[in-house]
Amino acid sequence: MTQIEKDTILDFASSDISLNEFYKKLPNYQNDNFILQKYLEAIKLKNKEYLSYLRLVPINNISLFEGINRELLCEKWHIENEDIVTLFQFTWNNNIENIPILLKAINNIPEYLQDEISKYSYIKKSFML
């Protein structure tokens, strides 16, 4: 990910530029398949910074990203687990295929969520589907 991409994503996420301006600066990001490939690259490289930027990018068809988020939920190398659980809670809460993934996530709580308060919150979010 280039510095221009990072800066533009942060400008958009902080509301310094509009969605139209974001797409003018980064036209490839209008294509969800392009973004999906960026996610796959971040996973392959286990690049948590790269992933953190991608999580700020607007997505048109969120259903394309259900599988990638299932995979990410079971990974411990990033710090997006809580946000991903929330995404499952509000977006894919009717898909019973996600139950085994959520149970696996509860049994594989990342180290950054191991303190009692964070751990309880994470487990609670996972079960509130």
N, C-alpha and C. Protein backbone atom coordinates (compact mmCIF):
# COMPACT_ATOMS: atom_id res chain seq x y z
N MET A 1 0.86 -1.17 0.00
CA MET A 1 0.00 0.00 0.00
C MET A 1 0.90 1.23 0.00
N THR A 2 0.60 2.14 -0.90
CA THR A 2 1.43 3.34 -1.02
C THR A 2 1.07 4.36 0.05
N GLN A 3 1.94 5.32 0.23
CA GLN A 3 1.67 6.39 1.20
C GLN A 3 0.48 7.23 0.74
N ILE A 4 0.33 7.41 -0.57
CA ILE A 4 -0.82 8.16 -1.11
C ILE A 4 -2.12 7.44 -0.75
N GLU A 5 -2.14 6.11 -0.88
CA GLU A 5 -3.32 5.34 -0.51
C GLU A 5 -3.62 5.51 0.98
N LYS A 6 -2.61 5.36 1.80
CA LYS A 6 -2.80 5.50 3.25
C LYS A 6 -3.35 6.88 3.61
N ASP A 7 -2.72 7.91 3.05
CA ASP A 7 -3.15 9.28 3.35
C ASP A 7 -4.58 9.54 2.89
N THR A 8 -4.91 9.06 1.71
CA THR A 8 -6.26 9.26 1.18
C THR A 8 -7.30 8.51 2.01
N ILE A 9 -6.98 7.31 2.39
CA ILE A 9 -7.90 6.53 3.24
C ILE A 9 -8.12 7.24 4.56
N LEU A 10 -7.06 7.73 5.18
CA LEU A 10 -7.20 8.46 6.44
C LEU A 10 -7.98 9.76 6.26
N ASP A 11 -7.74 10.46 5.15
CA ASP A 11 -8.50 11.68 4.87
C ASP A 11 -9.99 11.38 4.75
N PHE A 12 -10.32 10.29 4.09
CA PHE A 12 -11.73 9.90 3.96
C PHE A 12 -12.31 9.49 5.31
N ALA A 13 -11.59 8.65 6.05
CA ALA A 13 -12.08 8.15 7.33
C ALA A 13 -12.28 9.28 8.35
N SER A 14 -11.49 10.32 8.24
CA SER A 14 -11.63 11.45 9.17
C SER A 14 -12.53 12.55 8.61
N SER A 15 -13.21 12.26 7.50
CA SER A 15 -14.17 13.18 6.86
C SER A 15 -13.51 14.44 6.30
N ASP A 16 -12.22 14.37 6.03
CA ASP A 16 -11.55 15.50 5.41
C ASP A 16 -11.81 15.58 3.91
N ILE A 17 -12.18 14.44 3.31
CA ILE A 17 -12.58 14.43 1.90
C ILE A 17 -13.87 13.63 1.78
N SER A 18 -14.62 13.92 0.74
CA SER A 18 -15.88 13.21 0.49
C SER A 18 -15.61 11.87 -0.20
N LEU A 19 -16.66 11.08 -0.30
CA LEU A 19 -16.55 9.81 -1.00
C LEU A 19 -16.16 10.03 -2.45
N ASN A 20 -16.74 11.04 -3.09
CA ASN A 20 -16.40 11.34 -4.49
C ASN A 20 -14.92 11.71 -4.63
N GLU A 21 -14.42 12.50 -3.70
CA GLU A 21 -13.01 12.88 -3.74
C GLU A 21 -12.12 11.66 -3.50
N PHE A 22 -12.54 10.80 -2.59
CA PHE A 22 -11.81 9.56 -2.33
C PHE A 22 -11.68 8.75 -3.62
N TYR A 23 -12.80 8.56 -4.32
CA TYR A 23 -12.79 7.77 -5.55
C TYR A 23 -12.02 8.46 -6.68
N LYS A 24 -11.99 9.78 -6.69
CA LYS A 24 -11.19 10.50 -7.70
C LYS A 24 -9.71 10.24 -7.48
N LYS A 25 -9.30 10.20 -6.21
CA LYS A 25 -7.89 10.00 -5.89
C LYS A 25 -7.48 8.53 -6.02
N LEU A 26 -8.42 7.63 -5.67
CA LEU A 26 -8.14 6.19 -5.71
C LEU A 26 -9.27 5.47 -6.48
N PRO A 27 -9.31 5.64 -7.80
CA PRO A 27 -10.43 5.08 -8.57
C PRO A 27 -10.57 3.56 -8.49
N ASN A 28 -9.47 2.84 -8.30
CA ASN A 28 -9.56 1.38 -8.20
C ASN A 28 -10.36 0.93 -6.98
N TYR A 29 -10.45 1.77 -5.98
CA TYR A 29 -11.15 1.41 -4.75
C TYR A 29 -12.68 1.46 -4.90
N GLN A 30 -13.16 1.82 -6.07
CA GLN A 30 -14.59 1.72 -6.36
C GLN A 30 -14.99 0.28 -6.63
N ASN A 31 -14.01 -0.54 -6.93
CA ASN A 31 -14.23 -1.93 -7.31
C ASN A 31 -14.01 -2.84 -6.10
N ASP A 32 -15.08 -3.47 -5.63
CA ASP A 32 -14.98 -4.35 -4.47
C ASP A 32 -14.03 -5.52 -4.69
N ASN A 33 -13.93 -6.01 -5.91
CA ASN A 33 -13.00 -7.12 -6.19
C ASN A 33 -11.55 -6.66 -6.02
N PHE A 34 -11.27 -5.42 -6.36
CA PHE A 34 -9.93 -4.85 -6.15
C PHE A 34 -9.64 -4.81 -4.64
N ILE A 35 -10.61 -4.35 -3.87
CA ILE A 35 -10.44 -4.27 -2.41
C ILE A 35 -10.28 -5.68 -1.83
N LEU A 36 -11.05 -6.61 -2.32
CA LEU A 36 -10.95 -8.00 -1.86
C LEU A 36 -9.54 -8.55 -2.10
N GLN A 37 -8.96 -8.23 -3.25
CA GLN A 37 -7.59 -8.66 -3.54
C GLN A 37 -6.60 -8.02 -2.57
N LYS A 38 -6.86 -6.78 -2.20
CA LYS A 38 -6.01 -6.09 -1.22
C LYS A 38 -6.10 -6.79 0.14
N TYR A 39 -7.30 -7.21 0.52
CA TYR A 39 -7.48 -7.96 1.77
C TYR A 39 -6.69 -9.27 1.71
N LEU A 40 -6.79 -9.98 0.60
CA LEU A 40 -6.07 -11.25 0.47
C LEU A 40 -4.56 -11.03 0.56
N GLU A 41 -4.09 -9.95 -0.01
CA GLU A 41 -2.67 -9.62 0.07
C GLU A 41 -2.27 -9.33 1.52
N ALA A 42 -3.10 -8.56 2.24
CA ALA A 42 -2.81 -8.25 3.65
C ALA A 42 -2.77 -9.52 4.49
N ILE A 43 -3.68 -10.45 4.21
CA ILE A 43 -3.72 -11.72 4.95
C ILE A 43 -2.48 -12.55 4.63
N LYS A 44 -2.14 -12.63 3.36
CA LYS A 44 -0.96 -13.41 2.96
C LYS A 44 0.30 -12.87 3.64
N LEU A 45 0.41 -11.55 3.71
CA LEU A 45 1.59 -10.92 4.31
C LEU A 45 1.48 -10.79 5.83
N LYS A 46 0.27 -11.08 6.35
CA LYS A 46 -0.02 -10.88 7.78
C LYS A 46 0.37 -9.46 8.20
N ASN A 47 -0.08 -8.51 7.40
CA ASN A 47 0.27 -7.11 7.60
C ASN A 47 -0.88 -6.40 8.30
N LYS A 48 -0.76 -6.24 9.63
CA LYS A 48 -1.86 -5.66 10.40
C LYS A 48 -2.06 -4.17 10.12
N GLU A 49 -0.99 -3.46 9.77
CA GLU A 49 -1.17 -2.04 9.42
C GLU A 49 -1.98 -1.91 8.14
N TYR A 50 -1.62 -2.68 7.15
CA TYR A 50 -2.30 -2.70 5.87
C TYR A 50 -3.78 -3.03 6.07
N LEU A 51 -4.04 -4.05 6.89
CA LEU A 51 -5.41 -4.45 7.17
C LEU A 51 -6.19 -3.34 7.87
N SER A 52 -5.55 -2.66 8.79
CA SER A 52 -6.22 -1.57 9.50
C SER A 52 -6.66 -0.46 8.55
N TYR A 53 -5.84 -0.16 7.57
CA TYR A 53 -6.24 0.83 6.56
C TYR A 53 -7.40 0.31 5.72
N LEU A 54 -7.32 -0.93 5.29
CA LEU A 54 -8.39 -1.50 4.46
C LEU A 54 -9.73 -1.50 5.16
N ARG A 55 -9.73 -1.67 6.48
CA ARG A 55 -10.98 -1.70 7.24
C ARG A 55 -11.68 -0.34 7.24
N LEU A 56 -10.98 0.71 6.80
CA LEU A 56 -11.55 2.06 6.73
C LEU A 56 -12.10 2.39 5.34
N VAL A 57 -11.86 1.51 4.38
CA VAL A 57 -12.25 1.75 2.99
C VAL A 57 -13.74 1.43 2.81
N PRO A 58 -14.48 2.31 2.12
CA PRO A 58 -15.90 2.02 1.86
C PRO A 58 -16.06 0.82 0.93
N ILE A 59 -17.05 0.00 1.25
CA ILE A 59 -17.34 -1.21 0.47
C ILE A 59 -18.77 -1.12 -0.03
N ASN A 60 -18.98 -1.44 -1.29
CA ASN A 60 -20.32 -1.38 -1.87
C ASN A 60 -21.12 -2.65 -1.60
N ASN A 61 -20.49 -3.81 -1.72
CA ASN A 61 -21.19 -5.08 -1.56
C ASN A 61 -20.55 -5.86 -0.42
N ILE A 62 -21.01 -5.61 0.79
CA ILE A 62 -20.41 -6.20 1.98
C ILE A 62 -20.47 -7.72 1.97
N SER A 63 -21.45 -8.29 1.28
CA SER A 63 -21.58 -9.75 1.27
C SER A 63 -20.37 -10.43 0.63
N LEU A 64 -19.66 -9.75 -0.25
CA LEU A 64 -18.44 -10.31 -0.84
C LEU A 64 -17.35 -10.53 0.20
N PHE A 65 -17.46 -9.87 1.35
CA PHE A 65 -16.40 -9.89 2.34
C PHE A 65 -16.71 -10.79 3.54
N GLU A 66 -17.81 -11.53 3.49
CA GLU A 66 -18.15 -12.40 4.61
C GLU A 66 -17.09 -13.50 4.80
N GLY A 67 -16.70 -14.13 3.74
CA GLY A 67 -15.71 -15.21 3.82
C GLY A 67 -14.36 -14.71 4.32
N ILE A 68 -13.93 -13.58 3.83
CA ILE A 68 -12.65 -13.03 4.23
C ILE A 68 -12.68 -12.67 5.72
N ASN A 69 -13.83 -12.18 6.19
CA ASN A 69 -13.96 -11.84 7.60
C ASN A 69 -14.05 -13.08 8.48
N ARG A 70 -14.61 -14.15 7.95
CA ARG A 70 -14.58 -15.43 8.68
C ARG A 70 -13.13 -15.85 8.92
N GLU A 71 -12.35 -15.76 7.85
CA GLU A 71 -10.94 -16.14 7.94
C GLU A 71 -10.20 -15.24 8.94
N LEU A 72 -10.43 -13.94 8.84
CA LEU A 72 -9.75 -12.99 9.72
C LEU A 72 -10.12 -13.19 11.18
N LEU A 73 -11.36 -13.58 11.43
CA LEU A 73 -11.82 -13.76 12.80
C LEU A 73 -11.05 -14.86 13.52
N CYS A 74 -10.55 -15.80 12.77
CA CYS A 74 -9.82 -16.92 13.38
C CYS A 74 -8.31 -16.68 13.41
N GLU A 75 -7.88 -15.53 12.95
CA GLU A 75 -6.45 -15.19 12.93
C GLU A 75 -6.11 -14.33 14.15
N LYS A 76 -4.90 -14.48 14.64
CA LYS A 76 -4.47 -13.74 15.82
C LYS A 76 -3.42 -12.66 15.54
N TRP A 77 -3.02 -12.48 14.30
CA TRP A 77 -1.91 -11.57 14.00
C TRP A 77 -2.34 -10.11 13.87
N HIS A 78 -3.65 -9.84 13.90
CA HIS A 78 -4.13 -8.46 13.73
C HIS A 78 -4.93 -8.04 14.96
N ILE A 79 -5.40 -6.81 14.96
CA ILE A 79 -6.16 -6.28 16.10
C ILE A 79 -7.57 -5.84 15.69
N GLU A 80 -8.15 -6.54 14.75
CA GLU A 80 -9.47 -6.18 14.23
C GLU A 80 -10.59 -7.11 14.70
N ASN A 81 -10.28 -8.05 15.57
CA ASN A 81 -11.24 -9.08 15.95
C ASN A 81 -12.56 -8.52 16.50
N GLU A 82 -12.47 -7.55 17.39
CA GLU A 82 -13.69 -6.99 17.97
C GLU A 82 -14.57 -6.34 16.91
N ASP A 83 -13.96 -5.59 16.02
CA ASP A 83 -14.72 -4.95 14.95
C ASP A 83 -15.34 -5.99 14.02
N ILE A 84 -14.62 -7.05 13.76
CA ILE A 84 -15.15 -8.11 12.89
C ILE A 84 -16.33 -8.81 13.56
N VAL A 85 -16.22 -9.08 14.86
CA VAL A 85 -17.35 -9.69 15.58
C VAL A 85 -18.57 -8.77 15.50
N THR A 86 -18.36 -7.48 15.66
CA THR A 86 -19.47 -6.52 15.55
C THR A 86 -20.08 -6.55 14.15
N LEU A 87 -19.25 -6.68 13.14
CA LEU A 87 -19.73 -6.78 11.76
C LEU A 87 -20.61 -8.02 11.60
N PHE A 88 -20.18 -9.15 12.16
CA PHE A 88 -21.00 -10.36 12.12
C PHE A 88 -22.30 -10.14 12.88
N GLN A 89 -22.22 -9.45 13.99
CA GLN A 89 -23.38 -9.22 14.85
C GLN A 89 -24.47 -8.44 14.10
N PHE A 90 -24.08 -7.44 13.32
CA PHE A 90 -25.06 -6.58 12.68
C PHE A 90 -25.29 -6.85 11.20
N THR A 91 -24.39 -7.56 10.55
CA THR A 91 -24.51 -7.75 9.10
C THR A 91 -24.88 -9.18 8.72
N TRP A 92 -24.21 -10.14 9.33
CA TRP A 92 -24.41 -11.54 8.94
C TRP A 92 -25.00 -12.35 10.08
N ASN A 93 -25.83 -11.74 10.89
CA ASN A 93 -26.36 -12.40 12.09
C ASN A 93 -27.38 -13.50 11.80
N ASN A 94 -27.87 -13.60 10.61
CA ASN A 94 -28.85 -14.64 10.28
C ASN A 94 -28.24 -15.86 9.60
N ASN A 95 -26.95 -15.84 9.38
CA ASN A 95 -26.29 -16.93 8.69
C ASN A 95 -25.77 -17.95 9.71
N ILE A 96 -26.44 -19.09 9.79
CA ILE A 96 -26.05 -20.09 10.79
C ILE A 96 -24.69 -20.72 10.48
N GLU A 97 -24.21 -20.57 9.25
CA GLU A 97 -22.87 -21.08 8.92
C GLU A 97 -21.78 -20.35 9.69
N ASN A 98 -22.11 -19.19 10.25
CA ASN A 98 -21.11 -18.42 10.98
C ASN A 98 -20.96 -18.88 12.44
N ILE A 99 -21.88 -19.67 12.94
CA ILE A 99 -21.83 -20.09 14.34
C ILE A 99 -20.53 -20.84 14.66
N PRO A 100 -20.11 -21.84 13.86
CA PRO A 100 -18.84 -22.52 14.19
C PRO A 100 -17.64 -21.57 14.17
N ILE A 101 -17.65 -20.59 13.28
CA ILE A 101 -16.56 -19.62 13.20
C ILE A 101 -16.52 -18.77 14.48
N LEU A 102 -17.69 -18.35 14.92
CA LEU A 102 -17.75 -17.54 16.14
C LEU A 102 -17.33 -18.34 17.36
N LEU A 103 -17.72 -19.61 17.40
CA LEU A 103 -17.29 -20.47 18.51
C LEU A 103 -15.77 -20.66 18.49
N LYS A 104 -15.22 -20.83 17.30
CA LYS A 104 -13.77 -20.97 17.17
C LYS A 104 -13.08 -19.68 17.62
N ALA A 105 -13.67 -18.54 17.27
CA ALA A 105 -13.10 -17.25 17.67
C ALA A 105 -13.09 -17.09 19.19
N ILE A 106 -14.13 -17.58 19.84
CA ILE A 106 -14.20 -17.50 21.30
C ILE A 106 -13.13 -18.38 21.94
N ASN A 107 -12.84 -19.50 21.32
CA ASN A 107 -11.82 -20.40 21.85
C ASN A 107 -10.40 -19.98 21.48
N ASN A 108 -10.28 -19.00 20.59
CA ASN A 108 -8.98 -18.50 20.14
C ASN A 108 -8.89 -16.99 20.35
N ILE A 109 -9.14 -16.53 21.53
CA ILE A 109 -9.13 -15.10 21.80
C ILE A 109 -7.71 -14.56 21.68
N PRO A 110 -7.53 -13.52 20.86
CA PRO A 110 -6.19 -12.95 20.68
C PRO A 110 -5.63 -12.40 21.99
N GLU A 111 -4.32 -12.34 22.04
CA GLU A 111 -3.65 -11.88 23.26
C GLU A 111 -4.06 -10.47 23.67
N TYR A 112 -4.27 -9.59 22.69
CA TYR A 112 -4.62 -8.21 23.04
C TYR A 112 -5.99 -8.09 23.71
N LEU A 113 -6.77 -9.17 23.68
CA LEU A 113 -8.08 -9.18 24.33
C LEU A 113 -8.12 -10.06 25.57
N GLN A 114 -6.98 -10.40 26.11
CA GLN A 114 -6.92 -11.36 27.21
C GLN A 114 -7.24 -10.77 28.59
N ASP A 115 -7.19 -9.44 28.77
CA ASP A 115 -7.56 -8.93 30.08
C ASP A 115 -9.06 -9.18 30.30
N GLU A 116 -9.47 -9.28 31.53
CA GLU A 116 -10.83 -9.73 31.87
C GLU A 116 -11.93 -8.89 31.22
N ILE A 117 -11.80 -7.58 31.23
CA ILE A 117 -12.85 -6.71 30.69
C ILE A 117 -12.97 -6.90 29.18
N SER A 118 -11.85 -6.85 28.48
CA SER A 118 -11.88 -7.02 27.02
C SER A 118 -12.36 -8.41 26.63
N LYS A 119 -11.88 -9.40 27.33
CA LYS A 119 -12.25 -10.79 27.04
C LYS A 119 -13.76 -10.99 27.21
N TYR A 120 -14.30 -10.49 28.30
CA TYR A 120 -15.74 -10.61 28.56
C TYR A 120 -16.54 -9.91 27.48
N SER A 121 -16.12 -8.71 27.11
CA SER A 121 -16.82 -7.94 26.07
C SER A 121 -16.80 -8.68 24.74
N TYR A 122 -15.65 -9.23 24.38
CA TYR A 122 -15.49 -9.96 23.12
C TYR A 122 -16.38 -11.20 23.09
N ILE A 123 -16.38 -11.95 24.17
CA ILE A 123 -17.21 -13.16 24.24
C ILE A 123 -18.69 -12.79 24.18
N LYS A 124 -19.06 -11.75 24.89
CA LYS A 124 -20.45 -11.30 24.89
C LYS A 124 -20.91 -10.89 23.49
N LYS A 125 -20.06 -10.13 22.79
CA LYS A 125 -20.39 -9.72 21.41
C LYS A 125 -20.55 -10.94 20.51
N SER A 126 -19.69 -11.92 20.69
CA SER A 126 -19.72 -13.11 19.85
C SER A 126 -21.00 -13.91 20.02
N PHE A 127 -21.55 -13.91 21.22
CA PHE A 127 -22.76 -14.68 21.49
C PHE A 127 -24.05 -13.90 21.25
N MET A 128 -23.96 -12.61 21.02
CA MET A 128 -25.17 -11.81 20.88
C MET A 128 -25.73 -11.83 19.47
N LEU A 129 -25.35 -12.79 18.71
CA LEU A 129 -25.89 -12.91 17.35
C LEU A 129 -27.25 -13.53 17.42
